[in-house]
Amino acid sequence: MRQKKQKARFKKFNNTKDAIKIAEKIQLVQIRILFIAILTILLIGLGISFIRN
């Protein structure tokens, strides 16, 4: 059952290249989200350290 569902999903893409492009876009978004999260954590940490001092 699961294999059939996966095949149906991949049929939506005409080429495997399209699927690869979409996967790359998703990865870029994930990297961006991680980067933003790390920056916000650092900024919050700096803010807390300044408040304590």
PDB file of N, CA and C in Angstrom:
ATOM      1  N   MET A   1       0.828  -1.206   0.000  1.00  0.00           N
ATOM      2  CA  MET A   1       0.000   0.000   0.000  1.00  0.00           C
ATOM      3  C   MET A   1       0.869   1.266   0.000  1.00  0.00           C
ATOM      4  N   ARG A   2       1.861   1.267   0.850  1.00  0.00           N
ATOM      5  CA  ARG A   2       2.709   2.456   0.965  1.00  0.00           C
ATOM      6  C   ARG A   2       3.464   2.719  -0.330  1.00  0.00           C
ATOM      7  N   GLN A   3       3.954   1.648  -0.959  1.00  0.00           N
ATOM      8  CA  GLN A   3       4.700   1.802  -2.210  1.00  0.00           C
ATOM      9  C   GLN A   3       3.825   2.424  -3.295  1.00  0.00           C
ATOM     10  N   LYS A   4       2.574   2.017  -3.370  1.00  0.00           N
ATOM     11  CA  LYS A   4       1.649   2.564  -4.367  1.00  0.00           C
ATOM     12  C   LYS A   4       1.457   4.064  -4.162  1.00  0.00           C
ATOM     13  N   LYS A   5       1.309   4.467  -2.913  1.00  0.00           N
ATOM     14  CA  LYS A   5       1.129   5.889  -2.602  1.00  0.00           C
ATOM     15  C   LYS A   5       2.358   6.694  -3.018  1.00  0.00           C
ATOM     16  N   GLN A   6       3.539   6.156  -2.729  1.00  0.00           N
ATOM     17  CA  GLN A   6       4.774   6.847  -3.096  1.00  0.00           C
ATOM     18  C   GLN A   6       4.889   6.981  -4.612  1.00  0.00           C
ATOM     19  N   LYS A   7       4.550   5.919  -5.344  1.00  0.00           N
ATOM     20  CA  LYS A   7       4.605   5.961  -6.801  1.00  0.00           C
ATOM     21  C   LYS A   7       3.648   7.010  -7.340  1.00  0.00           C
ATOM     22  N   ALA A   8       2.468   7.110  -6.761  1.00  0.00           N
ATOM     23  CA  ALA A   8       1.476   8.102  -7.182  1.00  0.00           C
ATOM     24  C   ALA A   8       2.024   9.517  -6.986  1.00  0.00           C
ATOM     25  N   ARG A   9       2.734   9.718  -5.892  1.00  0.00           N
ATOM     26  CA  ARG A   9       3.320  11.037  -5.630  1.00  0.00           C
ATOM     27  C   ARG A   9       4.355  11.376  -6.690  1.00  0.00           C
ATOM     28  N   PHE A  10       5.201  10.416  -7.029  1.00  0.00           N
ATOM     29  CA  PHE A  10       6.263  10.675  -8.000  1.00  0.00           C
ATOM     30  C   PHE A  10       5.726  10.840  -9.415  1.00  0.00           C
ATOM     31  N   LYS A  11       4.565  10.267  -9.702  1.00  0.00           N
ATOM     32  CA  LYS A  11       3.955  10.419 -11.027  1.00  0.00           C
ATOM     33  C   LYS A  11       3.577  11.871 -11.301  1.00  0.00           C
ATOM     34  N   LYS A  12       3.342  12.647 -10.256  1.00  0.00           N
ATOM     35  CA  LYS A  12       3.013  14.066 -10.416  1.00  0.00           C
ATOM     36  C   LYS A  12       4.151  14.815 -11.110  1.00  0.00           C
ATOM     37  N   PHE A  13       5.384  14.415 -10.853  1.00  0.00           N
ATOM     38  CA  PHE A  13       6.535  15.045 -11.507  1.00  0.00           C
ATOM     39  C   PHE A  13       6.746  14.392 -12.869  1.00  0.00           C
ATOM     40  N   ASN A  14       6.863  15.234 -13.896  1.00  0.00           N
ATOM     41  CA  ASN A  14       7.080  14.697 -15.245  1.00  0.00           C
ATOM     42  C   ASN A  14       8.474  14.091 -15.357  1.00  0.00           C
ATOM     43  N   ASN A  15       9.446  14.799 -14.828  1.00  0.00           N
ATOM     44  CA  ASN A  15      10.838  14.339 -14.887  1.00  0.00           C
ATOM     45  C   ASN A  15      11.385  14.169 -13.476  1.00  0.00           C
ATOM     46  N   THR A  16      12.395  13.321 -13.356  1.00  0.00           N
ATOM     47  CA  THR A  16      13.081  13.202 -12.067  1.00  0.00           C
ATOM     48  C   THR A  16      13.835  14.500 -11.782  1.00  0.00           C
ATOM     49  N   LYS A  17      14.229  15.217 -12.840  1.00  0.00           N
ATOM     50  CA  LYS A  17      14.930  16.499 -12.675  1.00  0.00           C
ATOM     51  C   LYS A  17      14.058  17.491 -11.916  1.00  0.00           C
ATOM     52  N   ASP A  18      12.769  17.522 -12.240  1.00  0.00           N
ATOM     53  CA  ASP A  18      11.838  18.416 -11.534  1.00  0.00           C
ATOM     54  C   ASP A  18      11.810  18.072 -10.046  1.00  0.00           C
ATOM     55  N   ALA A  19      11.740  16.783  -9.746  1.00  0.00           N
ATOM     56  CA  ALA A  19      11.701  16.328  -8.353  1.00  0.00           C
ATOM     57  C   ALA A  19      12.981  16.743  -7.629  1.00  0.00           C
ATOM     58  N   ILE A  20      14.120  16.609  -8.317  1.00  0.00           N
ATOM     59  CA  ILE A  20      15.415  16.978  -7.729  1.00  0.00           C
ATOM     60  C   ILE A  20      15.442  18.482  -7.453  1.00  0.00           C
ATOM     61  N   LYS A  21      14.949  19.281  -8.413  1.00  0.00           N
ATOM     62  CA  LYS A  21      14.910  20.741  -8.237  1.00  0.00           C
ATOM     63  C   LYS A  21      14.070  21.116  -7.026  1.00  0.00           C
ATOM     64  N   ILE A  22      12.909  20.482  -6.892  1.00  0.00           N
ATOM     65  CA  ILE A  22      12.013  20.757  -5.763  1.00  0.00           C
ATOM     66  C   ILE A  22      12.702  20.377  -4.449  1.00  0.00           C
ATOM     67  N   ALA A  23      13.376  19.223  -4.442  1.00  0.00           N
ATOM     68  CA  ALA A  23      14.093  18.765  -3.248  1.00  0.00           C
ATOM     69  C   ALA A  23      15.182  19.762  -2.866  1.00  0.00           C
ATOM     70  N   GLU A  24      15.908  20.286  -3.881  1.00  0.00           N
ATOM     71  CA  GLU A  24      16.958  21.271  -3.629  1.00  0.00           C
ATOM     72  C   GLU A  24      16.369  22.541  -3.025  1.00  0.00           C
ATOM     73  N   LYS A  25      15.221  22.981  -3.560  1.00  0.00           N
ATOM     74  CA  LYS A  25      14.558  24.181  -3.030  1.00  0.00           C
ATOM     75  C   LYS A  25      14.182  23.973  -1.572  1.00  0.00           C
ATOM     76  N   ILE A  26      13.634  22.803  -1.259  1.00  0.00           N
ATOM     77  CA  ILE A  26      13.233  22.483   0.116  1.00  0.00           C
ATOM     78  C   ILE A  26      14.455  22.524   1.031  1.00  0.00           C
ATOM     79  N   GLN A  27      15.579  21.946   0.563  1.00  0.00           N
ATOM     80  CA  GLN A  27      16.812  21.940   1.361  1.00  0.00           C
ATOM     81  C   GLN A  27      17.286  23.363   1.626  1.00  0.00           C
ATOM     82  N   LEU A  28      17.236  24.229   0.593  1.00  0.00           N
ATOM     83  CA  LEU A  28      17.659  25.622   0.758  1.00  0.00           C
ATOM     84  C   LEU A  28      16.801  26.318   1.810  1.00  0.00           C
ATOM     85  N   VAL A  29      15.499  26.076   1.769  1.00  0.00           N
ATOM     86  CA  VAL A  29      14.582  26.676   2.745  1.00  0.00           C
ATOM     87  C   VAL A  29      14.924  26.189   4.147  1.00  0.00           C
ATOM     88  N   GLN A  30      15.179  24.872   4.286  1.00  0.00           N
ATOM     89  CA  GLN A  30      15.521  24.310   5.596  1.00  0.00           C
ATOM     90  C   GLN A  30      16.811  24.925   6.130  1.00  0.00           C
ATOM     91  N   ILE A  31      17.817  25.091   5.250  1.00  0.00           N
ATOM     92  CA  ILE A  31      19.096  25.690   5.659  1.00  0.00           C
ATOM     93  C   ILE A  31      18.860  27.122   6.128  1.00  0.00           C
ATOM     94  N   ARG A  32      18.014  27.864   5.378  1.00  0.00           N
ATOM     95  CA  ARG A  32      17.699  29.251   5.719  1.00  0.00           C
ATOM     96  C   ARG A  32      17.032  29.322   7.093  1.00  0.00           C
ATOM     97  N   ILE A  33      16.086  28.434   7.341  1.00  0.00           N
ATOM     98  CA  ILE A  33      15.368  28.400   8.624  1.00  0.00           C
ATOM     99  C   ILE A  33      16.353  28.118   9.759  1.00  0.00           C
ATOM    100  N   LEU A  34      17.252  27.143   9.549  1.00  0.00           N
ATOM    101  CA  LEU A  34      18.260  26.808  10.566  1.00  0.00           C
ATOM    102  C   LEU A  34      19.146  28.008  10.851  1.00  0.00           C
ATOM    103  N   PHE A  35      19.590  28.698   9.785  1.00  0.00           N
ATOM    104  CA  PHE A  35      20.464  29.864   9.909  1.00  0.00           C
ATOM    105  C   PHE A  35      19.780  30.956  10.726  1.00  0.00           C
ATOM    106  N   ILE A  36      18.521  31.231  10.389  1.00  0.00           N
ATOM    107  CA  ILE A  36      17.748  32.259  11.098  1.00  0.00           C
ATOM    108  C   ILE A  36      17.589  31.866  12.566  1.00  0.00           C
ATOM    109  N   ALA A  37      17.293  30.580  12.817  1.00  0.00           N
ATOM    110  CA  ALA A  37      17.106  30.101  14.189  1.00  0.00           C
ATOM    111  C   ALA A  37      18.379  30.297  15.004  1.00  0.00           C
ATOM    112  N   ILE A  38      19.531  29.950  14.407  1.00  0.00           N
ATOM    113  CA  ILE A  38      20.818  30.092  15.103  1.00  0.00           C
ATOM    114  C   ILE A  38      21.086  31.565  15.405  1.00  0.00           C
ATOM    115  N   LEU A  39      20.833  32.440  14.418  1.00  0.00           N
ATOM    116  CA  LEU A  39      21.049  33.882  14.610  1.00  0.00           C
ATOM    117  C   LEU A  39      20.174  34.423  15.736  1.00  0.00           C
ATOM    118  N   THR A  40      18.906  34.028  15.747  1.00  0.00           N
ATOM    119  CA  THR A  40      17.996  34.520  16.794  1.00  0.00           C
ATOM    120  C   THR A  40      18.452  34.038  18.167  1.00  0.00           C
ATOM    121  N   ILE A  41      18.899  32.796  18.253  1.00  0.00           N
ATOM    122  CA  ILE A  41      19.380  32.247  19.534  1.00  0.00           C
ATOM    123  C   ILE A  41      20.600  33.037  20.013  1.00  0.00           C
ATOM    124  N   LEU A  42      21.515  33.339  19.087  1.00  0.00           N
ATOM    125  CA  LEU A  42      22.707  34.114  19.434  1.00  0.00           C
ATOM    126  C   LEU A  42      22.322  35.513  19.909  1.00  0.00           C
ATOM    127  N   LEU A  43      21.395  36.155  19.185  1.00  0.00           N
ATOM    128  CA  LEU A  43      20.955  37.504  19.557  1.00  0.00           C
ATOM    129  C   LEU A  43      20.305  37.503  20.933  1.00  0.00           C
ATOM    130  N   ILE A  44      19.471  36.514  21.203  1.00  0.00           N
ATOM    131  CA  ILE A  44      18.809  36.403  22.511  1.00  0.00           C
ATOM    132  C   ILE A  44      19.866  36.206  23.603  1.00  0.00           C
ATOM    133  N   GLY A  45      20.849  35.355  23.330  1.00  0.00           N
ATOM    134  CA  GLY A  45      21.934  35.109  24.278  1.00  0.00           C
ATOM    135  C   GLY A  45      22.707  36.376  24.580  1.00  0.00           C
ATOM    136  N   LEU A  46      23.022  37.151  23.539  1.00  0.00           N
ATOM    137  CA  LEU A  46      23.732  38.421  23.722  1.00  0.00           C
ATOM    138  C   LEU A  46      22.885  39.390  24.544  1.00  0.00           C
ATOM    139  N   GLY A  47      21.598  39.462  24.224  1.00  0.00           N
ATOM    140  CA  GLY A  47      20.687  40.347  24.957  1.00  0.00           C
ATOM    141  C   GLY A  47      20.653  40.007  26.432  1.00  0.00           C
ATOM    142  N   ILE A  48      20.560  38.738  26.752  1.00  0.00           N
ATOM    143  CA  ILE A  48      20.515  38.290  28.153  1.00  0.00           C
ATOM    144  C   ILE A  48      21.830  38.650  28.855  1.00  0.00           C
ATOM    145  N   SER A  49      22.952  38.438  28.163  1.00  0.00           N
ATOM    146  CA  SER A  49      24.257  38.737  28.771  1.00  0.00           C
ATOM    147  C   SER A  49      24.401  40.234  29.031  1.00  0.00           C
ATOM    148  N   PHE A  50      23.900  41.070  28.112  1.00  0.00           N
ATOM    149  CA  PHE A  50      23.972  42.528  28.309  1.00  0.00           C
ATOM    150  C   PHE A  50      23.089  42.961  29.478  1.00  0.00           C
ATOM    151  N   ILE A  51      21.908  42.363  29.589  1.00  0.00           N
ATOM    152  CA  ILE A  51      20.981  42.705  30.678  1.00  0.00           C
ATOM    153  C   ILE A  51      21.612  42.332  32.025  1.00  0.00           C
ATOM    154  N   ARG A  52      22.256  41.177  32.088  1.00  0.00           N
ATOM    155  CA  ARG A  52      22.872  40.720  33.346  1.00  0.00           C
ATOM    156  C   ARG A  52      24.007  41.649  33.757  1.00  0.00           C
ATOM    157  N   ASN A  53      24.772  42.142  32.784  1.00  0.00           N
ATOM    158  CA  ASN A  53      25.885  43.049  33.086  1.00  0.00           C
ATOM    159  C   ASN A  53      25.325  44.443  33.379  1.00  0.00           C
TER     160      ASN A  53
END
